[in-house]
Amino acid sequence: MREGMIPAVLGTVVTASSAAFLGSRYKMAATGILGFGLAHIVLGAIDLFEHR
């Protein structure tokens, strides 16, 4: 498996699940978790492009 694939997929799952909670009363927590998910996607993508 290519390096960076696991963080990118994990970030996608976390981002999608936190986006579902944006409309709930836990909006602030969902926004923070969304940021962590997006950070994982970006860092995973950097690893994928760096280790081609």
N, C-alpha and C. Protein backbone atom coordinates (compact mmCIF):
# COMPACT_ATOMS: atom_id res chain seq x y z
N MET A 1 0.84 -1.17 0.00
CA MET A 1 0.00 0.00 0.00
C MET A 1 0.89 1.24 0.00
N ARG A 2 0.49 2.21 -0.78
CA ARG A 2 1.31 3.41 -0.90
C ARG A 2 1.29 4.23 0.38
N GLU A 3 2.44 4.83 0.67
CA GLU A 3 2.55 5.66 1.86
C GLU A 3 1.69 6.91 1.69
N GLY A 4 0.89 7.22 2.69
CA GLY A 4 0.01 8.37 2.65
C GLY A 4 -1.43 8.01 2.34
N MET A 5 -1.66 6.77 1.91
CA MET A 5 -3.03 6.36 1.57
C MET A 5 -3.90 6.25 2.82
N ILE A 6 -3.36 5.69 3.90
CA ILE A 6 -4.14 5.51 5.12
C ILE A 6 -4.55 6.86 5.72
N PRO A 7 -3.65 7.85 5.87
CA PRO A 7 -4.10 9.13 6.40
C PRO A 7 -5.13 9.84 5.50
N ALA A 8 -4.98 9.69 4.20
CA ALA A 8 -5.93 10.33 3.29
C ALA A 8 -7.31 9.70 3.40
N VAL A 9 -7.38 8.39 3.47
CA VAL A 9 -8.67 7.70 3.60
C VAL A 9 -9.28 7.98 4.97
N LEU A 10 -8.46 7.93 6.01
CA LEU A 10 -8.94 8.22 7.35
C LEU A 10 -9.47 9.65 7.43
N GLY A 11 -8.76 10.59 6.83
CA GLY A 11 -9.22 11.98 6.82
C GLY A 11 -10.53 12.14 6.08
N THR A 12 -10.72 11.39 5.01
CA THR A 12 -11.98 11.45 4.26
C THR A 12 -13.13 10.94 5.11
N VAL A 13 -12.92 9.85 5.83
CA VAL A 13 -13.97 9.29 6.68
C VAL A 13 -14.30 10.25 7.82
N VAL A 14 -13.28 10.81 8.46
CA VAL A 14 -13.51 11.73 9.58
C VAL A 14 -14.20 13.00 9.09
N THR A 15 -13.80 13.52 7.94
CA THR A 15 -14.43 14.72 7.40
C THR A 15 -15.89 14.48 7.07
N ALA A 16 -16.19 13.36 6.46
CA ALA A 16 -17.58 13.05 6.10
C ALA A 16 -18.45 12.86 7.33
N SER A 17 -17.92 12.19 8.34
CA SER A 17 -18.72 11.97 9.54
C SER A 17 -18.92 13.25 10.33
N SER A 18 -17.93 14.12 10.37
CA SER A 18 -18.10 15.37 11.10
C SER A 18 -19.00 16.34 10.33
N ALA A 19 -19.02 16.24 9.01
CA ALA A 19 -19.92 17.10 8.23
C ALA A 19 -21.38 16.75 8.52
N ALA A 20 -21.64 15.52 8.89
CA ALA A 20 -23.00 15.11 9.24
C ALA A 20 -23.45 15.76 10.55
N PHE A 21 -22.51 16.10 11.42
CA PHE A 21 -22.84 16.69 12.71
C PHE A 21 -22.87 18.22 12.69
N LEU A 22 -22.59 18.85 11.58
CA LEU A 22 -22.56 20.31 11.53
C LEU A 22 -23.92 20.93 11.80
N GLY A 23 -24.99 20.23 11.50
CA GLY A 23 -26.32 20.76 11.73
C GLY A 23 -26.86 20.49 13.13
N SER A 24 -26.12 19.76 13.94
CA SER A 24 -26.60 19.40 15.27
C SER A 24 -26.22 20.46 16.29
N ARG A 25 -26.50 20.19 17.53
CA ARG A 25 -26.17 21.16 18.58
C ARG A 25 -24.68 21.11 18.94
N TYR A 26 -23.94 20.16 18.40
CA TYR A 26 -22.50 20.04 18.64
C TYR A 26 -21.71 20.67 17.49
N LYS A 27 -22.14 21.81 17.03
CA LYS A 27 -21.54 22.43 15.84
C LYS A 27 -20.07 22.79 16.07
N MET A 28 -19.72 23.30 17.24
CA MET A 28 -18.34 23.70 17.50
C MET A 28 -17.40 22.48 17.50
N ALA A 29 -17.83 21.39 18.12
CA ALA A 29 -17.01 20.17 18.13
C ALA A 29 -16.89 19.60 16.72
N ALA A 30 -17.98 19.63 15.96
CA ALA A 30 -17.96 19.10 14.60
C ALA A 30 -17.03 19.92 13.72
N THR A 31 -16.98 21.22 13.94
CA THR A 31 -16.07 22.08 13.17
C THR A 31 -14.61 21.75 13.48
N GLY A 32 -14.30 21.51 14.74
CA GLY A 32 -12.94 21.13 15.11
C GLY A 32 -12.53 19.80 14.52
N ILE A 33 -13.43 18.83 14.58
CA ILE A 33 -13.14 17.50 14.02
C ILE A 33 -13.02 17.58 12.51
N LEU A 34 -13.82 18.45 11.89
CA LEU A 34 -13.73 18.66 10.44
C LEU A 34 -12.34 19.18 10.07
N GLY A 35 -11.80 20.07 10.86
CA GLY A 35 -10.45 20.58 10.62
C GLY A 35 -9.39 19.50 10.71
N PHE A 36 -9.51 18.62 11.70
CA PHE A 36 -8.57 17.51 11.81
C PHE A 36 -8.67 16.58 10.62
N GLY A 37 -9.88 16.33 10.16
CA GLY A 37 -10.07 15.47 8.98
C GLY A 37 -9.44 16.08 7.74
N LEU A 38 -9.66 17.38 7.56
CA LEU A 38 -9.07 18.05 6.39
C LEU A 38 -7.55 18.07 6.47
N ALA A 39 -7.01 18.22 7.67
CA ALA A 39 -5.56 18.19 7.83
C ALA A 39 -5.00 16.81 7.46
N HIS A 40 -5.70 15.75 7.83
CA HIS A 40 -5.25 14.40 7.45
C HIS A 40 -5.29 14.21 5.94
N ILE A 41 -6.32 14.75 5.30
CA ILE A 41 -6.40 14.63 3.84
C ILE A 41 -5.22 15.35 3.19
N VAL A 42 -4.93 16.55 3.65
CA VAL A 42 -3.83 17.32 3.06
C VAL A 42 -2.49 16.63 3.30
N LEU A 43 -2.25 16.18 4.52
CA LEU A 43 -0.96 15.54 4.82
C LEU A 43 -0.82 14.20 4.09
N GLY A 44 -1.91 13.46 3.96
CA GLY A 44 -1.87 12.21 3.20
C GLY A 44 -1.60 12.46 1.73
N ALA A 45 -2.22 13.51 1.19
CA ALA A 45 -1.99 13.85 -0.22
C ALA A 45 -0.54 14.28 -0.46
N ILE A 46 0.02 15.01 0.48
CA ILE A 46 1.43 15.41 0.36
C ILE A 46 2.32 14.17 0.33
N ASP A 47 2.05 13.20 1.23
CA ASP A 47 2.83 11.96 1.23
C ASP A 47 2.66 11.19 -0.08
N LEU A 48 1.43 11.14 -0.59
CA LEU A 48 1.20 10.42 -1.84
C LEU A 48 1.99 11.04 -3.01
N PHE A 49 1.98 12.36 -3.10
CA PHE A 49 2.69 13.01 -4.20
C PHE A 49 4.20 13.00 -4.00
N GLU A 50 4.64 13.00 -2.75
CA GLU A 50 6.07 13.03 -2.45
C GLU A 50 6.72 11.68 -2.74
N HIS A 51 6.01 10.60 -2.50
CA HIS A 51 6.57 9.25 -2.66
C HIS A 51 5.99 8.54 -3.86
N ARG A 52 6.02 9.19 -4.99
CA ARG A 52 5.48 8.61 -6.23
C ARG A 52 6.33 7.48 -6.69
